[in-house]
Amino acid sequence: MAFKDILRRRAKKQVTPQLLGTVSPYQLLGTPIITEKAFGQMEKINVYTFLVHDNATKPDVIAALQYVYKVTPLSVRVVVVWKKIRQRRWIVRKAYKKVYVTLKSGDSIELSA
């Protein structure tokens, strides 16, 4: 196999959801993050922030959003927040994964408090 073929195979994007067969969409999305920064992004630029499952991918998140909230996102950004440790293995914050979901200007998601 040529080196170019190997690079092409690596460059293919994953477009099918992988985790939705084992986890429900509600477990995959988790809870919305409602902080001052996230609330400001919701109002100004229509970006919503969610905690997600540790193994979630972008196609999983898109499929779960379409199922749960009936919206199609313009873009999805996945961020891994690493754990924070002090001296002597004292954990300050556990690691988690969150996503930023950008919607069209007319779409919105109803978040109940």
C-alpha atoms as a PDB file:
ATOM      1  CA  MET A   1       0.000   0.000   0.000  1.00  0.00           C
ATOM      2  CA  ALA A   2       1.381   3.378  -0.987  1.00  0.00           C
ATOM      3  CA  PHE A   3       2.036   6.084   1.559  1.00  0.00           C
ATOM      4  CA  LYS A   4      -0.537   8.365  -0.109  1.00  0.00           C
ATOM      5  CA  ASP A   5      -3.215   5.702   0.347  1.00  0.00           C
ATOM      6  CA  ILE A   6      -2.392   5.472   4.032  1.00  0.00           C
ATOM      7  CA  LEU A   7      -2.702   9.234   4.416  1.00  0.00           C
ATOM      8  CA  ARG A   8      -6.016   9.273   2.538  1.00  0.00           C
ATOM      9  CA  ARG A   9      -7.387   6.532   4.769  1.00  0.00           C
ATOM     10  CA  ARG A  10      -6.377   8.486   7.885  1.00  0.00           C
ATOM     11  CA  ALA A  11      -7.897  11.705   6.539  1.00  0.00           C
ATOM     12  CA  LYS A  12     -11.395  10.273   6.109  1.00  0.00           C
ATOM     13  CA  LYS A  13     -13.798  11.852   8.543  1.00  0.00           C
ATOM     14  CA  GLN A  14     -16.005   9.815  10.785  1.00  0.00           C
ATOM     15  CA  VAL A  15     -19.584  10.613   9.744  1.00  0.00           C
ATOM     16  CA  THR A  16     -21.593   7.847  11.390  1.00  0.00           C
ATOM     17  CA  PRO A  17     -22.508   7.891  15.083  1.00  0.00           C
ATOM     18  CA  GLN A  18     -20.562   5.280  17.035  1.00  0.00           C
ATOM     19  CA  LEU A  19     -21.821   5.575  20.612  1.00  0.00           C
ATOM     20  CA  LEU A  20     -25.578   5.919  20.023  1.00  0.00           C
ATOM     21  CA  GLY A  21     -26.026   2.174  19.644  1.00  0.00           C
ATOM     22  CA  THR A  22     -24.964   1.577  23.245  1.00  0.00           C
ATOM     23  CA  VAL A  23     -26.051   4.799  25.002  1.00  0.00           C
ATOM     24  CA  SER A  24     -29.348   6.678  24.764  1.00  0.00           C
ATOM     25  CA  PRO A  25     -29.314  10.246  23.358  1.00  0.00           C
ATOM     26  CA  TYR A  26     -30.313  11.626  26.763  1.00  0.00           C
ATOM     27  CA  GLN A  27     -27.336   9.935  28.457  1.00  0.00           C
ATOM     28  CA  LEU A  28     -25.007  11.075  25.684  1.00  0.00           C
ATOM     29  CA  LEU A  29     -25.929  14.769  25.918  1.00  0.00           C
ATOM     30  CA  GLY A  30     -26.012  15.061  29.672  1.00  0.00           C
ATOM     31  CA  THR A  31     -26.852  18.431  31.185  1.00  0.00           C
ATOM     32  CA  PRO A  32     -26.595  21.912  29.689  1.00  0.00           C
ATOM     33  CA  ILE A  33     -23.977  24.159  31.249  1.00  0.00           C
ATOM     34  CA  ILE A  34     -25.606  27.336  32.514  1.00  0.00           C
ATOM     35  CA  THR A  35     -23.006  29.840  33.647  1.00  0.00           C
ATOM     36  CA  GLU A  36     -22.714  33.562  33.034  1.00  0.00           C
ATOM     37  CA  LYS A  37     -20.467  33.009  30.033  1.00  0.00           C
ATOM     38  CA  ALA A  38     -22.672  30.274  28.552  1.00  0.00           C
ATOM     39  CA  PHE A  39     -25.832  32.328  29.103  1.00  0.00           C
ATOM     40  CA  GLY A  40     -24.253  35.320  27.357  1.00  0.00           C
ATOM     41  CA  GLN A  41     -23.300  33.122  24.398  1.00  0.00           C
ATOM     42  CA  MET A  42     -26.883  31.817  24.208  1.00  0.00           C
ATOM     43  CA  GLU A  43     -28.304  35.324  23.958  1.00  0.00           C
ATOM     44  CA  LYS A  44     -25.718  36.965  21.700  1.00  0.00           C
ATOM     45  CA  ILE A  45     -24.397  34.384  19.256  1.00  0.00           C
ATOM     46  CA  ASN A  46     -26.825  31.443  19.694  1.00  0.00           C
ATOM     47  CA  VAL A  47     -24.226  28.998  21.072  1.00  0.00           C
ATOM     48  CA  TYR A  48     -25.314  26.361  23.599  1.00  0.00           C
ATOM     49  CA  THR A  49     -22.969  24.423  25.894  1.00  0.00           C
ATOM     50  CA  PHE A  50     -23.567  20.830  27.044  1.00  0.00           C
ATOM     51  CA  LEU A  51     -21.745  18.254  29.130  1.00  0.00           C
ATOM     52  CA  VAL A  52     -21.436  15.053  27.115  1.00  0.00           C
ATOM     53  CA  HIS A  53     -20.415  11.422  27.572  1.00  0.00           C
ATOM     54  CA  ASP A  54     -16.664  10.840  27.722  1.00  0.00           C
ATOM     55  CA  ASN A  55     -16.626   8.812  24.484  1.00  0.00           C
ATOM     56  CA  ALA A  56     -18.964  11.099  22.501  1.00  0.00           C
ATOM     57  CA  THR A  57     -17.956  12.265  19.027  1.00  0.00           C
ATOM     58  CA  LYS A  58     -19.288  15.065  16.823  1.00  0.00           C
ATOM     59  CA  PRO A  59     -21.611  12.797  14.776  1.00  0.00           C
ATOM     60  CA  ASP A  60     -22.984  11.349  18.027  1.00  0.00           C
ATOM     61  CA  VAL A  61     -23.727  14.815  19.389  1.00  0.00           C
ATOM     62  CA  ILE A  62     -25.375  15.959  16.136  1.00  0.00           C
ATOM     63  CA  ALA A  63     -27.616  12.885  16.033  1.00  0.00           C
ATOM     64  CA  ALA A  64     -28.549  13.250  19.714  1.00  0.00           C
ATOM     65  CA  LEU A  65     -29.426  16.952  19.259  1.00  0.00           C
ATOM     66  CA  GLN A  66     -31.630  16.132  16.288  1.00  0.00           C
ATOM     67  CA  TYR A  67     -33.426  13.442  18.302  1.00  0.00           C
ATOM     68  CA  VAL A  68     -33.851  15.293  21.610  1.00  0.00           C
ATOM     69  CA  TYR A  69     -34.299  18.955  20.627  1.00  0.00           C
ATOM     70  CA  LYS A  70     -35.336  18.653  16.941  1.00  0.00           C
ATOM     71  CA  VAL A  71     -32.676  21.143  15.757  1.00  0.00           C
ATOM     72  CA  THR A  72     -29.826  20.823  13.281  1.00  0.00           C
ATOM     73  CA  PRO A  73     -26.616  22.549  14.438  1.00  0.00           C
ATOM     74  CA  LEU A  74     -24.430  24.653  12.145  1.00  0.00           C
ATOM     75  CA  SER A  75     -21.270  23.621  13.962  1.00  0.00           C
ATOM     76  CA  VAL A  76     -20.223  21.489  16.929  1.00  0.00           C
ATOM     77  CA  ARG A  77     -16.978  22.010  18.837  1.00  0.00           C
ATOM     78  CA  VAL A  78     -15.822  19.333  21.282  1.00  0.00           C
ATOM     79  CA  VAL A  79     -13.592  20.345  24.207  1.00  0.00           C
ATOM     80  CA  VAL A  80     -11.927  18.064  26.738  1.00  0.00           C
ATOM     81  CA  VAL A  81     -11.398  19.730  30.128  1.00  0.00           C
ATOM     82  CA  TRP A  82      -8.565  17.950  31.915  1.00  0.00           C
ATOM     83  CA  LYS A  83      -8.480  17.142  35.598  1.00  0.00           C
ATOM     84  CA  LYS A  84      -6.852  19.567  37.980  1.00  0.00           C
ATOM     85  CA  ILE A  85      -4.531  18.105  40.609  1.00  0.00           C
ATOM     86  CA  ARG A  86      -2.698  19.718  43.491  1.00  0.00           C
ATOM     87  CA  GLN A  87       0.137  18.263  45.528  1.00  0.00           C
ATOM     88  CA  ARG A  88      -0.104  14.753  46.920  1.00  0.00           C
ATOM     89  CA  ARG A  89      -2.741  13.662  44.398  1.00  0.00           C
ATOM     90  CA  TRP A  90      -5.464  15.891  45.776  1.00  0.00           C
ATOM     91  CA  ILE A  91      -7.997  16.250  42.938  1.00  0.00           C
ATOM     92  CA  VAL A  92      -9.534  19.700  42.619  1.00  0.00           C
ATOM     93  CA  ARG A  93     -11.618  19.039  39.483  1.00  0.00           C
ATOM     94  CA  LYS A  94     -12.443  15.839  37.622  1.00  0.00           C
ATOM     95  CA  ALA A  95     -11.973  15.619  33.865  1.00  0.00           C
ATOM     96  CA  TYR A  96     -15.013  16.013  31.615  1.00  0.00           C
ATOM     97  CA  LYS A  97     -15.983  16.648  28.008  1.00  0.00           C
ATOM     98  CA  LYS A  98     -18.204  19.481  26.795  1.00  0.00           C
ATOM     99  CA  VAL A  99     -19.510  20.687  23.449  1.00  0.00           C
ATOM    100  CA  TYR A 100     -20.327  24.090  22.034  1.00  0.00           C
ATOM    101  CA  VAL A 101     -23.285  23.872  19.643  1.00  0.00           C
ATOM    102  CA  THR A 102     -23.948  26.744  17.234  1.00  0.00           C
ATOM    103  CA  LEU A 103     -27.493  27.018  15.853  1.00  0.00           C
ATOM    104  CA  LYS A 104     -29.056  29.130  13.118  1.00  0.00           C
ATOM    105  CA  SER A 105     -30.382  32.542  14.147  1.00  0.00           C
ATOM    106  CA  GLY A 106     -34.018  31.355  14.092  1.00  0.00           C
ATOM    107  CA  ASP A 107     -33.492  28.115  16.045  1.00  0.00           C
ATOM    108  CA  SER A 108     -33.377  27.862  19.810  1.00  0.00           C
ATOM    109  CA  ILE A 109     -33.334  25.218  22.529  1.00  0.00           C
ATOM    110  CA  GLU A 110     -35.682  25.462  25.525  1.00  0.00           C
ATOM    111  CA  LEU A 111     -33.676  24.856  28.689  1.00  0.00           C
ATOM    112  CA  SER A 112     -35.732  24.365  31.830  1.00  0.00           C
ATOM    113  CA  ALA A 113     -34.233  25.539  35.082  1.00  0.00           C
END
